[in-house]
């Protein structure tokens, strides 16, 4: 469809709308997470949106885009363990750990790749990482990359992460490709650089792809082109039915969390901001009254939010907007 020889995006003619859910984007390499969010939100004509933690611009793969009320819970959608595929190039060390960074070291590569299986075994289990200076980790309220860009030195905080396994997928005379299953907070750029350091020749990431996040459907991702094609093929530009079916409901995306089931009257009070202490009336799934982590909160099987228990008191952390009224008319 054209107008004055310009392609018209039919979705832009539709008014903005309230739509809730998580779109599992297969982000293209070189596309920033912020731009990816803008494009998906625009195609869906969503009033609100957010993403769940950035992927590096050079990284591809799973980026959950949260539309509507899902944006409230964005910090919880990437709590699960993650799986990546990454390629490391031997013989070069860069400031950022990837191809975007300035080369700071060069080393001759001989037979180092023949020892890569032995090297990667040393990085399984709980390890201490020093994240790259070009990262979004904050020190004194500022991201590290802002210090790095100004040439300012700052102490980079160490962190403990867990690598459940590293599987060697391929290797050449000067590169290796691995699949990594790891805890939240793991920097794959740092991992590849550390493996290169262990081999004695250095390494940096040339390809990085996130393929799974525990708790989110596996093998279900859609590219921006696929979504745009679906939008352009509609006969009625206000019909989002097929596109909305691609969205993961909020309660489904958070169903990996342990669950507390509370009586209806307690749910009403909790939705009004009142902490609840009569937990003997509640039932628990995959947790108990002493559980200290985040849990999903439900009543009558209805998801109403997430919270935690502190000294025997249930405290809400994030709640759906008026869930008892807007979901199934459950005010009684």
C-alpha atoms as a PDB file:
ATOM      1  CA  UNK A   1       0.000   0.000   0.000  1.00  0.00           C
ATOM      2  CA  UNK A   2       1.493   3.348  -1.001  1.00  0.00           C
ATOM      3  CA  UNK A   3       0.667   7.015  -0.770  1.00  0.00           C
ATOM      4  CA  UNK A   4       2.765   9.507  -2.734  1.00  0.00           C
ATOM      5  CA  UNK A   5       5.088   6.564  -3.486  1.00  0.00           C
ATOM      6  CA  UNK A   6       5.785   6.048   0.220  1.00  0.00           C
ATOM      7  CA  UNK A   7       5.056   2.813   2.055  1.00  0.00           C
ATOM      8  CA  UNK A   8       2.399   3.343   4.722  1.00  0.00           C
ATOM      9  CA  UNK A   9       2.522   1.284   7.914  1.00  0.00           C
ATOM     10  CA  UNK A  10      -1.121   0.362   8.452  1.00  0.00           C
ATOM     11  CA  UNK A  11      -0.615  -0.042  12.196  1.00  0.00           C
ATOM     12  CA  UNK A  12       0.219   3.671  12.482  1.00  0.00           C
ATOM     13  CA  UNK A  13      -3.305   4.576  11.425  1.00  0.00           C
ATOM     14  CA  UNK A  14      -4.781   2.721  14.388  1.00  0.00           C
ATOM     15  CA  UNK A  15      -5.239   4.660  17.626  1.00  0.00           C
ATOM     16  CA  UNK A  16      -3.006   3.775  20.543  1.00  0.00           C
ATOM     17  CA  UNK A  17      -4.505   1.208  22.880  1.00  0.00           C
ATOM     18  CA  UNK A  18      -4.146  -0.589  26.190  1.00  0.00           C
ATOM     19  CA  UNK A  19      -2.696  -4.029  25.553  1.00  0.00           C
ATOM     20  CA  UNK A  20      -1.021  -6.275  28.128  1.00  0.00           C
ATOM     21  CA  UNK A  21       1.438  -9.091  27.542  1.00  0.00           C
ATOM     22  CA  UNK A  22       5.005 -10.109  26.747  1.00  0.00           C
ATOM     23  CA  UNK A  23       6.275 -10.276  23.173  1.00  0.00           C
ATOM     24  CA  UNK A  24       9.281 -12.593  22.814  1.00  0.00           C
ATOM     25  CA  UNK A  25      11.405 -10.750  20.287  1.00  0.00           C
ATOM     26  CA  UNK A  26      14.238 -12.407  18.414  1.00  0.00           C
ATOM     27  CA  UNK A  27      16.364  -9.273  18.399  1.00  0.00           C
ATOM     28  CA  UNK A  28      18.572  -8.743  15.405  1.00  0.00           C
ATOM     29  CA  UNK A  29      22.263  -8.107  15.973  1.00  0.00           C
ATOM     30  CA  UNK A  30      23.215  -4.399  15.706  1.00  0.00           C
ATOM     31  CA  UNK A  31      19.696  -3.306  16.766  1.00  0.00           C
ATOM     32  CA  UNK A  32      19.680  -1.641  20.185  1.00  0.00           C
ATOM     33  CA  UNK A  33      17.239  -2.880  22.814  1.00  0.00           C
ATOM     34  CA  UNK A  34      15.734   0.609  23.102  1.00  0.00           C
ATOM     35  CA  UNK A  35      15.056   0.830  19.373  1.00  0.00           C
ATOM     36  CA  UNK A  36      13.637  -2.696  19.360  1.00  0.00           C
ATOM     37  CA  UNK A  37      11.192  -1.682  22.094  1.00  0.00           C
ATOM     38  CA  UNK A  38      10.153   1.442  20.174  1.00  0.00           C
ATOM     39  CA  UNK A  39       9.457  -0.565  17.020  1.00  0.00           C
ATOM     40  CA  UNK A  40       7.471  -3.346  18.711  1.00  0.00           C
ATOM     41  CA  UNK A  41       5.455  -0.897  20.763  1.00  0.00           C
ATOM     42  CA  UNK A  42       4.720   1.129  17.633  1.00  0.00           C
ATOM     43  CA  UNK A  43       3.513  -1.868  15.635  1.00  0.00           C
ATOM     44  CA  UNK A  44       1.239  -2.938  18.497  1.00  0.00           C
ATOM     45  CA  UNK A  45       0.102   0.684  19.009  1.00  0.00           C
ATOM     46  CA  UNK A  46       0.634   0.102  22.729  1.00  0.00           C
ATOM     47  CA  UNK A  47       0.210   2.971  25.173  1.00  0.00           C
ATOM     48  CA  UNK A  48       2.901   1.605  27.461  1.00  0.00           C
ATOM     49  CA  UNK A  49       5.917  -0.626  27.069  1.00  0.00           C
ATOM     50  CA  UNK A  50       9.309  -1.622  28.387  1.00  0.00           C
ATOM     51  CA  UNK A  51      11.966  -4.294  27.929  1.00  0.00           C
ATOM     52  CA  UNK A  52      13.487  -6.660  30.464  1.00  0.00           C
ATOM     53  CA  UNK A  53      17.129  -5.714  30.596  1.00  0.00           C
ATOM     54  CA  UNK A  54      19.177  -4.778  27.572  1.00  0.00           C
ATOM     55  CA  UNK A  55      20.953  -7.083  25.198  1.00  0.00           C
ATOM     56  CA  UNK A  56      24.196  -5.691  23.814  1.00  0.00           C
ATOM     57  CA  UNK A  57      23.655  -4.054  20.402  1.00  0.00           C
ATOM     58  CA  UNK A  58      25.878  -6.724  18.813  1.00  0.00           C
ATOM     59  CA  UNK A  59      23.974  -9.518  20.573  1.00  0.00           C
ATOM     60  CA  UNK A  60      20.943 -11.225  19.089  1.00  0.00           C
ATOM     61  CA  UNK A  61      18.215 -13.445  20.419  1.00  0.00           C
ATOM     62  CA  UNK A  62      15.583 -13.427  23.122  1.00  0.00           C
ATOM     63  CA  UNK A  63      14.517  -9.974  24.334  1.00  0.00           C
ATOM     64  CA  UNK A  64      11.142  -9.960  26.128  1.00  0.00           C
ATOM     65  CA  UNK A  65       9.207  -6.807  25.255  1.00  0.00           C
ATOM     66  CA  UNK A  66       6.650  -5.929  27.932  1.00  0.00           C
ATOM     67  CA  UNK A  67       3.503  -4.140  26.832  1.00  0.00           C
ATOM     68  CA  UNK A  68       0.972  -2.437  29.098  1.00  0.00           C
ATOM     69  CA  UNK A  69       0.847  -3.760  32.653  1.00  0.00           C
ATOM     70  CA  UNK A  70       3.561  -6.298  31.808  1.00  0.00           C
ATOM     71  CA  UNK A  71       6.042  -3.409  32.026  1.00  0.00           C
ATOM     72  CA  UNK A  72       5.377  -3.278  35.788  1.00  0.00           C
ATOM     73  CA  UNK A  73       6.761  -6.785  36.102  1.00  0.00           C
ATOM     74  CA  UNK A  74       9.631  -6.461  33.624  1.00  0.00           C
ATOM     75  CA  UNK A  75      12.293  -6.941  36.303  1.00  0.00           C
ATOM     76  CA  UNK A  76      10.870 -10.389  37.119  1.00  0.00           C
ATOM     77  CA  UNK A  77      10.771 -11.846  33.602  1.00  0.00           C
ATOM     78  CA  UNK A  78      14.549 -12.387  33.408  1.00  0.00           C
ATOM     79  CA  UNK A  79      15.021 -13.824  36.892  1.00  0.00           C
ATOM     80  CA  UNK A  80      15.380 -17.359  35.514  1.00  0.00           C
ATOM     81  CA  UNK A  81      18.580 -19.034  34.414  1.00  0.00           C
ATOM     82  CA  UNK A  82      19.695 -18.175  30.886  1.00  0.00           C
ATOM     83  CA  UNK A  83      21.223 -19.949  27.936  1.00  0.00           C
ATOM     84  CA  UNK A  84      23.526 -18.340  25.388  1.00  0.00           C
ATOM     85  CA  UNK A  85      25.575 -19.283  22.349  1.00  0.00           C
ATOM     86  CA  UNK A  86      28.789 -17.306  21.918  1.00  0.00           C
ATOM     87  CA  UNK A  87      31.860 -17.318  19.692  1.00  0.00           C
ATOM     88  CA  UNK A  88      35.231 -16.202  20.990  1.00  0.00           C
ATOM     89  CA  UNK A  89      38.049 -14.987  18.741  1.00  0.00           C
ATOM     90  CA  UNK A  90      41.490 -15.865  20.079  1.00  0.00           C
ATOM     91  CA  UNK A  91      44.577 -13.638  20.071  1.00  0.00           C
ATOM     92  CA  UNK A  92      42.892 -10.278  20.666  1.00  0.00           C
ATOM     93  CA  UNK A  93      41.700  -8.512  23.819  1.00  0.00           C
ATOM     94  CA  UNK A  94      39.351  -5.515  23.534  1.00  0.00           C
ATOM     95  CA  UNK A  95      38.337  -2.952  26.136  1.00  0.00           C
ATOM     96  CA  UNK A  96      34.666  -3.945  25.930  1.00  0.00           C
ATOM     97  CA  UNK A  97      35.138  -7.676  25.435  1.00  0.00           C
ATOM     98  CA  UNK A  98      33.456  -7.590  22.024  1.00  0.00           C
ATOM     99  CA  UNK A  99      34.114  -6.398  18.479  1.00  0.00           C
ATOM    100  CA  UNK A 100      33.000  -2.835  19.285  1.00  0.00           C
ATOM    101  CA  UNK A 101      35.809  -2.200  21.731  1.00  0.00           C
ATOM    102  CA  UNK A 102      39.271  -0.781  21.218  1.00  0.00           C
ATOM    103  CA  UNK A 103      41.948  -3.453  20.826  1.00  0.00           C
ATOM    104  CA  UNK A 104      44.191  -3.332  23.876  1.00  0.00           C
ATOM    105  CA  UNK A 105      46.252  -6.508  23.377  1.00  0.00           C
ATOM    106  CA  UNK A 106      47.342  -8.763  20.529  1.00  0.00           C
ATOM    107  CA  UNK A 107      48.905 -12.191  20.951  1.00  0.00           C
ATOM    108  CA  UNK A 108      50.127 -14.829  18.552  1.00  0.00           C
ATOM    109  CA  UNK A 109      47.805 -17.824  18.322  1.00  0.00           C
ATOM    110  CA  UNK A 110      49.470 -21.214  17.966  1.00  0.00           C
ATOM    111  CA  UNK A 111      47.821 -24.342  19.364  1.00  0.00           C
ATOM    112  CA  UNK A 112      45.781 -22.713  22.160  1.00  0.00           C
ATOM    113  CA  UNK A 113      42.452 -23.862  20.767  1.00  0.00           C
ATOM    114  CA  UNK A 114      43.468 -27.481  21.336  1.00  0.00           C
ATOM    115  CA  UNK A 115      43.262 -26.773  25.071  1.00  0.00           C
ATOM    116  CA  UNK A 116      39.896 -25.018  25.037  1.00  0.00           C
ATOM    117  CA  UNK A 117      37.948 -27.994  26.480  1.00  0.00           C
ATOM    118  CA  UNK A 118      40.308 -28.082  29.436  1.00  0.00           C
ATOM    119  CA  UNK A 119      40.061 -24.315  29.895  1.00  0.00           C
ATOM    120  CA  UNK A 120      36.275 -24.079  29.905  1.00  0.00           C
ATOM    121  CA  UNK A 121      35.986 -26.745  32.590  1.00  0.00           C
ATOM    122  CA  UNK A 122      37.646 -24.315  35.012  1.00  0.00           C
ATOM    123  CA  UNK A 123      34.740 -21.889  34.630  1.00  0.00           C
ATOM    124  CA  UNK A 124      31.860 -24.157  35.614  1.00  0.00           C
ATOM    125  CA  UNK A 125      30.208 -23.845  39.009  1.00  0.00           C
ATOM    126  CA  UNK A 126      30.230 -20.698  41.117  1.00  0.00           C
ATOM    127  CA  UNK A 127      32.817 -18.205  39.894  1.00  0.00           C
ATOM    128  CA  UNK A 128      33.736 -14.575  40.564  1.00  0.00           C
ATOM    129  CA  UNK A 129      33.479 -12.188  37.631  1.00  0.00           C
ATOM    130  CA  UNK A 130      34.716  -8.664  37.130  1.00  0.00           C
ATOM    131  CA  UNK A 131      32.233  -7.177  34.626  1.00  0.00           C
ATOM    132  CA  UNK A 132      33.598  -5.220  31.652  1.00  0.00           C
ATOM    133  CA  UNK A 133      34.048  -1.480  32.146  1.00  0.00           C
ATOM    134  CA  UNK A 134      31.718  -0.972  29.184  1.00  0.00           C
ATOM    135  CA  UNK A 135      28.632  -2.265  30.985  1.00  0.00           C
ATOM    136  CA  UNK A 136      25.488  -0.839  32.571  1.00  0.00           C
ATOM    137  CA  UNK A 137      26.418  -1.806  36.127  1.00  0.00           C
ATOM    138  CA  UNK A 138      26.190   1.279  38.295  1.00  0.00           C
ATOM    139  CA  UNK A 139      28.892   2.627  40.601  1.00  0.00           C
ATOM    140  CA  UNK A 140      27.901   5.626  42.717  1.00  0.00           C
ATOM    141  CA  UNK A 141      24.697   5.893  40.698  1.00  0.00           C
ATOM    142  CA  UNK A 142      26.384   6.043  37.271  1.00  0.00           C
ATOM    143  CA  UNK A 143      26.751   3.221  34.713  1.00  0.00           C
ATOM    144  CA  UNK A 144      30.305   1.979  34.296  1.00  0.00           C
ATOM    145  CA  UNK A 145      30.327   2.770  30.582  1.00  0.00           C
ATOM    146  CA  UNK A 146      29.960   6.484  31.319  1.00  0.00           C
ATOM    147  CA  UNK A 147      33.162   6.432  33.363  1.00  0.00           C
ATOM    148  CA  UNK A 148      34.896   4.413  30.631  1.00  0.00           C
ATOM    149  CA  UNK A 149      33.879   6.795  27.853  1.00  0.00           C
ATOM    150  CA  UNK A 150      35.421   9.701  29.772  1.00  0.00           C
ATOM    151  CA  UNK A 151      38.571   7.742  30.551  1.00  0.00           C
ATOM    152  CA  UNK A 152      37.833   7.840  34.279  1.00  0.00           C
ATOM    153  CA  UNK A 153      39.088   4.954  36.363  1.00  0.00           C
ATOM    154  CA  UNK A 154      36.742   3.421  38.895  1.00  0.00           C
ATOM    155  CA  UNK A 155      36.805   0.219  40.903  1.00  0.00           C
ATOM    156  CA  UNK A 156      34.632  -2.351  39.147  1.00  0.00           C
ATOM    157  CA  UNK A 157      32.553  -4.364  41.630  1.00  0.00           C
ATOM    158  CA  UNK A 158      33.070  -8.119  41.550  1.00  0.00           C
ATOM    159  CA  UNK A 159      30.097 -10.456  41.531  1.00  0.00           C
ATOM    160  CA  UNK A 160      29.515 -14.139  42.104  1.00  0.00           C
ATOM    161  CA  UNK A 161      27.670 -15.965  39.338  1.00  0.00           C
ATOM    162  CA  UNK A 162      27.066 -19.614  38.582  1.00  0.00           C
ATOM    163  CA  UNK A 163      27.851 -21.433  35.342  1.00  0.00           C
ATOM    164  CA  UNK A 164      25.856 -24.651  35.236  1.00  0.00           C
ATOM    165  CA  UNK A 165      27.550 -25.898  32.095  1.00  0.00           C
ATOM    166  CA  UNK A 166      29.651 -24.788  29.147  1.00  0.00           C
ATOM    167  CA  UNK A 167      29.317 -26.981  26.058  1.00  0.00           C
ATOM    168  CA  UNK A 168      31.859 -26.696  23.229  1.00  0.00           C
ATOM    169  CA  UNK A 169      29.937 -26.563  19.935  1.00  0.00           C
ATOM    170  CA  UNK A 170      32.694 -25.800  17.437  1.00  0.00           C
ATOM    171  CA  UNK A 171      36.284 -24.635  17.122  1.00  0.00           C
ATOM    172  CA  UNK A 172      38.669 -23.454  14.422  1.00  0.00           C
ATOM    173  CA  UNK A 173      42.370 -22.672  14.519  1.00  0.00           C
ATOM    174  CA  UNK A 174      41.681 -19.309  16.210  1.00  0.00           C
ATOM    175  CA  UNK A 175      38.102 -19.381  17.529  1.00  0.00           C
ATOM    176  CA  UNK A 176      35.671 -21.420  19.581  1.00  0.00           C
ATOM    177  CA  UNK A 177      31.884 -21.496  19.952  1.00  0.00           C
ATOM    178  CA  UNK A 178      30.199 -22.514  23.182  1.00  0.00           C
ATOM    179  CA  UNK A 179      26.721 -22.911  24.643  1.00  0.00           C
ATOM    180  CA  UNK A 180      26.508 -21.486  28.166  1.00  0.00           C
ATOM    181  CA  UNK A 181      23.799 -22.145  30.745  1.00  0.00           C
ATOM    182  CA  UNK A 182      24.189 -19.692  33.601  1.00  0.00           C
ATOM    183  CA  UNK A 183      22.620 -17.687  36.403  1.00  0.00           C
ATOM    184  CA  UNK A 184      21.223 -14.192  36.151  1.00  0.00           C
ATOM    185  CA  UNK A 185      23.912 -11.510  36.074  1.00  0.00           C
ATOM    186  CA  UNK A 186      26.512 -13.505  34.160  1.00  0.00           C
ATOM    187  CA  UNK A 187      28.506 -11.485  31.639  1.00  0.00           C
ATOM    188  CA  UNK A 188      29.292 -13.695  28.653  1.00  0.00           C
ATOM    189  CA  UNK A 189      31.775 -11.128  27.330  1.00  0.00           C
ATOM    190  CA  UNK A 190      33.710 -11.473  30.575  1.00  0.00           C
ATOM    191  CA  UNK A 191      33.463 -15.262  30.470  1.00  0.00           C
ATOM    192  CA  UNK A 192      34.911 -15.431  26.950  1.00  0.00           C
ATOM    193  CA  UNK A 193      37.669 -12.978  27.887  1.00  0.00           C
ATOM    194  CA  UNK A 194      38.519 -15.035  30.979  1.00  0.00           C
ATOM    195  CA  UNK A 195      38.689 -18.238  28.932  1.00  0.00           C
ATOM    196  CA  UNK A 196      41.042 -16.465  26.534  1.00  0.00           C
ATOM    197  CA  UNK A 197      43.158 -15.336  29.460  1.00  0.00           C
ATOM    198  CA  UNK A 198      43.267 -18.894  30.787  1.00  0.00           C
ATOM    199  CA  UNK A 199      44.511 -20.040  27.368  1.00  0.00           C
ATOM    200  CA  UNK A 200      47.190 -17.371  27.513  1.00  0.00           C
ATOM    201  CA  UNK A 201      46.328 -15.564  24.288  1.00  0.00           C
ATOM    202  CA  UNK A 202      43.219 -13.553  25.127  1.00  0.00           C
ATOM    203  CA  UNK A 203      39.835 -13.596  23.393  1.00  0.00           C
ATOM    204  CA  UNK A 204      36.833 -11.391  22.619  1.00  0.00           C
ATOM    205  CA  UNK A 205      33.242 -12.057  21.598  1.00  0.00           C
ATOM    206  CA  UNK A 206      32.427 -11.955  17.889  1.00  0.00           C
ATOM    207  CA  UNK A 207      28.944 -13.479  18.180  1.00  0.00           C
ATOM    208  CA  UNK A 208      26.537 -13.605  21.119  1.00  0.00           C
ATOM    209  CA  UNK A 209      22.992 -14.921  21.089  1.00  0.00           C
ATOM    210  CA  UNK A 210      20.560 -15.469  23.988  1.00  0.00           C
ATOM    211  CA  UNK A 211      18.452 -18.511  23.181  1.00  0.00           C
ATOM    212  CA  UNK A 212      16.516 -19.276  26.381  1.00  0.00           C
ATOM    213  CA  UNK A 213      15.369 -17.862  29.705  1.00  0.00           C
ATOM    214  CA  UNK A 214      13.975 -20.294  32.256  1.00  0.00           C
ATOM    215  CA  UNK A 215      10.316 -19.611  32.939  1.00  0.00           C
ATOM    216  CA  UNK A 216       9.608 -18.277  29.446  1.00  0.00           C
ATOM    217  CA  UNK A 217       8.406 -20.550  26.615  1.00  0.00           C
ATOM    218  CA  UNK A 218      11.338 -22.213  24.890  1.00  0.00           C
ATOM    219  CA  UNK A 219      11.778 -21.989  21.133  1.00  0.00           C
ATOM    220  CA  UNK A 220       9.140 -19.258  20.834  1.00  0.00           C
ATOM    221  CA  UNK A 221      10.594 -16.062  19.390  1.00  0.00           C
ATOM    222  CA  UNK A 222       9.479 -13.778  16.579  1.00  0.00           C
ATOM    223  CA  UNK A 223      11.560 -11.370  14.553  1.00  0.00           C
ATOM    224  CA  UNK A 224      10.650  -7.756  13.975  1.00  0.00           C
ATOM    225  CA  UNK A 225      10.215  -8.517  10.267  1.00  0.00           C
ATOM    226  CA  UNK A 226       7.723 -11.286  11.048  1.00  0.00           C
ATOM    227  CA  UNK A 227       5.687  -8.963  13.247  1.00  0.00           C
ATOM    228  CA  UNK A 228       5.756  -6.150  10.683  1.00  0.00           C
ATOM    229  CA  UNK A 229       4.697  -8.532   7.891  1.00  0.00           C
ATOM    230  CA  UNK A 230       1.757  -9.694  10.013  1.00  0.00           C
ATOM    231  CA  UNK A 231       0.765  -6.070  10.645  1.00  0.00           C
ATOM    232  CA  UNK A 232       1.042  -5.120   6.957  1.00  0.00           C
ATOM    233  CA  UNK A 233      -1.004  -8.121   5.774  1.00  0.00           C
ATOM    234  CA  UNK A 234      -4.130  -7.160   7.742  1.00  0.00           C
ATOM    235  CA  UNK A 235      -7.152  -6.104   5.752  1.00  0.00           C
ATOM    236  CA  UNK A 236      -8.400  -4.112   8.741  1.00  0.00           C
ATOM    237  CA  UNK A 237      -5.617  -2.003  10.254  1.00  0.00           C
ATOM    238  CA  UNK A 238      -7.487  -1.875  13.583  1.00  0.00           C
ATOM    239  CA  UNK A 239      -7.588  -5.688  13.867  1.00  0.00           C
ATOM    240  CA  UNK A 240      -4.798  -6.858  16.185  1.00  0.00           C
ATOM    241  CA  UNK A 241      -6.308 -10.301  16.886  1.00  0.00           C
ATOM    242  CA  UNK A 242      -3.563 -12.421  15.302  1.00  0.00           C
ATOM    243  CA  UNK A 243      -0.782 -10.214  16.614  1.00  0.00           C
ATOM    244  CA  UNK A 244      -2.169 -10.248  20.161  1.00  0.00           C
ATOM    245  CA  UNK A 245      -2.117 -14.055  20.098  1.00  0.00           C
ATOM    246  CA  UNK A 246       1.681 -13.819  19.983  1.00  0.00           C
ATOM    247  CA  UNK A 247       1.721 -12.134  23.400  1.00  0.00           C
ATOM    248  CA  UNK A 248       2.462 -14.223  26.487  1.00  0.00           C
ATOM    249  CA  UNK A 249      -0.050 -13.399  29.265  1.00  0.00           C
ATOM    250  CA  UNK A 250       1.538 -11.832  32.346  1.00  0.00           C
ATOM    251  CA  UNK A 251       0.433 -14.615  34.696  1.00  0.00           C
ATOM    252  CA  UNK A 252       1.830 -17.260  32.341  1.00  0.00           C
ATOM    253  CA  UNK A 253       5.184 -15.513  32.075  1.00  0.00           C
ATOM    254  CA  UNK A 254       5.434 -15.366  35.887  1.00  0.00           C
ATOM    255  CA  UNK A 255       4.108 -18.852  36.574  1.00  0.00           C
ATOM    256  CA  UNK A 256       7.648 -20.120  37.207  1.00  0.00           C
ATOM    257  CA  UNK A 257       7.597 -18.310  40.577  1.00  0.00           C
ATOM    258  CA  UNK A 258       6.530 -20.122  43.764  1.00  0.00           C
ATOM    259  CA  UNK A 259       2.889 -19.403  44.535  1.00  0.00           C
ATOM    260  CA  UNK A 260       0.872 -18.279  47.528  1.00  0.00           C
ATOM    261  CA  UNK A 261      -2.906 -18.654  47.258  1.00  0.00           C
ATOM    262  CA  UNK A 262      -4.783 -16.213  49.485  1.00  0.00           C
ATOM    263  CA  UNK A 263      -8.491 -15.967  50.399  1.00  0.00           C
ATOM    264  CA  UNK A 264     -10.544 -13.420  48.519  1.00  0.00           C
ATOM    265  CA  UNK A 265     -11.017 -11.015  51.430  1.00  0.00           C
ATOM    266  CA  UNK A 266      -7.243 -10.932  52.001  1.00  0.00           C
ATOM    267  CA  UNK A 267      -6.747 -10.263  48.278  1.00  0.00           C
ATOM    268  CA  UNK A 268      -9.068  -7.245  48.425  1.00  0.00           C
ATOM    269  CA  UNK A 269      -7.136  -5.808  51.385  1.00  0.00           C
ATOM    270  CA  UNK A 270      -3.749  -6.526  49.755  1.00  0.00           C
ATOM    271  CA  UNK A 271      -4.839  -4.770  46.563  1.00  0.00           C
ATOM    272  CA  UNK A 272      -5.685  -1.764  48.717  1.00  0.00           C
ATOM    273  CA  UNK A 273      -2.126  -1.681  50.026  1.00  0.00           C
ATOM    274  CA  UNK A 274      -2.687  -3.479  53.325  1.00  0.00           C
ATOM    275  CA  UNK A 275      -0.071  -6.020  54.392  1.00  0.00           C
ATOM    276  CA  UNK A 276      -1.442  -9.409  55.401  1.00  0.00           C
ATOM    277  CA  UNK A 277      -0.330 -11.443  58.429  1.00  0.00           C
ATOM    278  CA  UNK A 278      -3.001 -14.166  58.722  1.00  0.00           C
ATOM    279  CA  UNK A 279      -1.039 -16.530  56.499  1.00  0.00           C
ATOM    280  CA  UNK A 280      -2.393 -19.632  58.196  1.00  0.00           C
ATOM    281  CA  UNK A 281      -5.406 -19.240  55.916  1.00  0.00           C
ATOM    282  CA  UNK A 282      -3.210 -19.389  52.806  1.00  0.00           C
ATOM    283  CA  UNK A 283      -1.849 -22.299  50.816  1.00  0.00           C
ATOM    284  CA  UNK A 284       1.596 -22.508  49.261  1.00  0.00           C
ATOM    285  CA  UNK A 285       3.011 -24.143  46.144  1.00  0.00           C
ATOM    286  CA  UNK A 286       6.781 -24.755  45.854  1.00  0.00           C
ATOM    287  CA  UNK A 287       7.371 -22.581  48.931  1.00  0.00           C
ATOM    288  CA  UNK A 288       6.228 -22.104  52.525  1.00  0.00           C
ATOM    289  CA  UNK A 289       5.671 -19.371  55.091  1.00  0.00           C
ATOM    290  CA  UNK A 290       9.432 -19.145  55.683  1.00  0.00           C
ATOM    291  CA  UNK A 291      10.230 -18.577  51.982  1.00  0.00           C
ATOM    292  CA  UNK A 292      12.146 -15.307  51.589  1.00  0.00           C
ATOM    293  CA  UNK A 293      12.108 -14.917  47.813  1.00  0.00           C
ATOM    294  CA  UNK A 294       9.640 -13.438  45.355  1.00  0.00           C
ATOM    295  CA  UNK A 295       6.361 -15.307  44.928  1.00  0.00           C
ATOM    296  CA  UNK A 296       3.310 -14.931  42.730  1.00  0.00           C
ATOM    297  CA  UNK A 297       0.087 -14.091  44.528  1.00  0.00           C
ATOM    298  CA  UNK A 298      -3.233 -15.560  43.439  1.00  0.00           C
ATOM    299  CA  UNK A 299      -6.793 -15.757  44.657  1.00  0.00           C
ATOM    300  CA  UNK A 300      -9.446 -18.012  43.161  1.00  0.00           C
ATOM    301  CA  UNK A 301      -6.717 -18.968  40.620  1.00  0.00           C
ATOM    302  CA  UNK A 302      -6.553 -15.313  39.537  1.00  0.00           C
ATOM    303  CA  UNK A 303      -3.099 -13.748  39.348  1.00  0.00           C
ATOM    304  CA  UNK A 304      -3.080 -10.421  41.196  1.00  0.00           C
ATOM    305  CA  UNK A 305       0.626  -9.633  41.587  1.00  0.00           C
ATOM    306  CA  UNK A 306       3.940 -10.609  43.152  1.00  0.00           C
ATOM    307  CA  UNK A 307       5.259 -10.101  46.660  1.00  0.00           C
ATOM    308  CA  UNK A 308       7.341 -11.539  49.460  1.00  0.00           C
ATOM    309  CA  UNK A 309       7.010 -12.600  53.090  1.00  0.00           C
ATOM    310  CA  UNK A 310       8.894 -10.713  55.779  1.00  0.00           C
ATOM    311  CA  UNK A 311       8.649 -11.873  59.392  1.00  0.00           C
ATOM    312  CA  UNK A 312       5.413 -13.712  58.699  1.00  0.00           C
ATOM    313  CA  UNK A 313       3.784 -10.807  56.856  1.00  0.00           C
ATOM    314  CA  UNK A 314       2.855 -10.864  53.159  1.00  0.00           C
ATOM    315  CA  UNK A 315       3.968  -7.675  51.414  1.00  0.00           C
ATOM    316  CA  UNK A 316       3.059  -6.794  47.830  1.00  0.00           C
ATOM    317  CA  UNK A 317       5.896  -5.767  45.485  1.00  0.00           C
ATOM    318  CA  UNK A 318       4.005  -5.278  42.215  1.00  0.00           C
ATOM    319  CA  UNK A 319       0.266  -5.567  41.701  1.00  0.00           C
ATOM    320  CA  UNK A 320      -1.971  -5.635  38.668  1.00  0.00           C
ATOM    321  CA  UNK A 321      -4.073  -2.508  38.307  1.00  0.00           C
ATOM    322  CA  UNK A 322      -7.356  -3.218  40.092  1.00  0.00           C
ATOM    323  CA  UNK A 323      -7.200  -6.945  39.181  1.00  0.00           C
ATOM    324  CA  UNK A 324     -10.259  -7.994  41.149  1.00  0.00           C
ATOM    325  CA  UNK A 325     -12.452  -5.559  39.247  1.00  0.00           C
ATOM    326  CA  UNK A 326     -11.006  -5.817  35.751  1.00  0.00           C
ATOM    327  CA  UNK A 327     -10.470  -9.596  35.726  1.00  0.00           C
ATOM    328  CA  UNK A 328     -13.692 -11.554  35.577  1.00  0.00           C
ATOM    329  CA  UNK A 329     -15.603  -9.042  37.755  1.00  0.00           C
ATOM    330  CA  UNK A 330     -14.627 -10.735  40.953  1.00  0.00           C
ATOM    331  CA  UNK A 331     -15.610  -7.994  43.372  1.00  0.00           C
ATOM    332  CA  UNK A 332     -18.379  -9.605  45.372  1.00  0.00           C
END
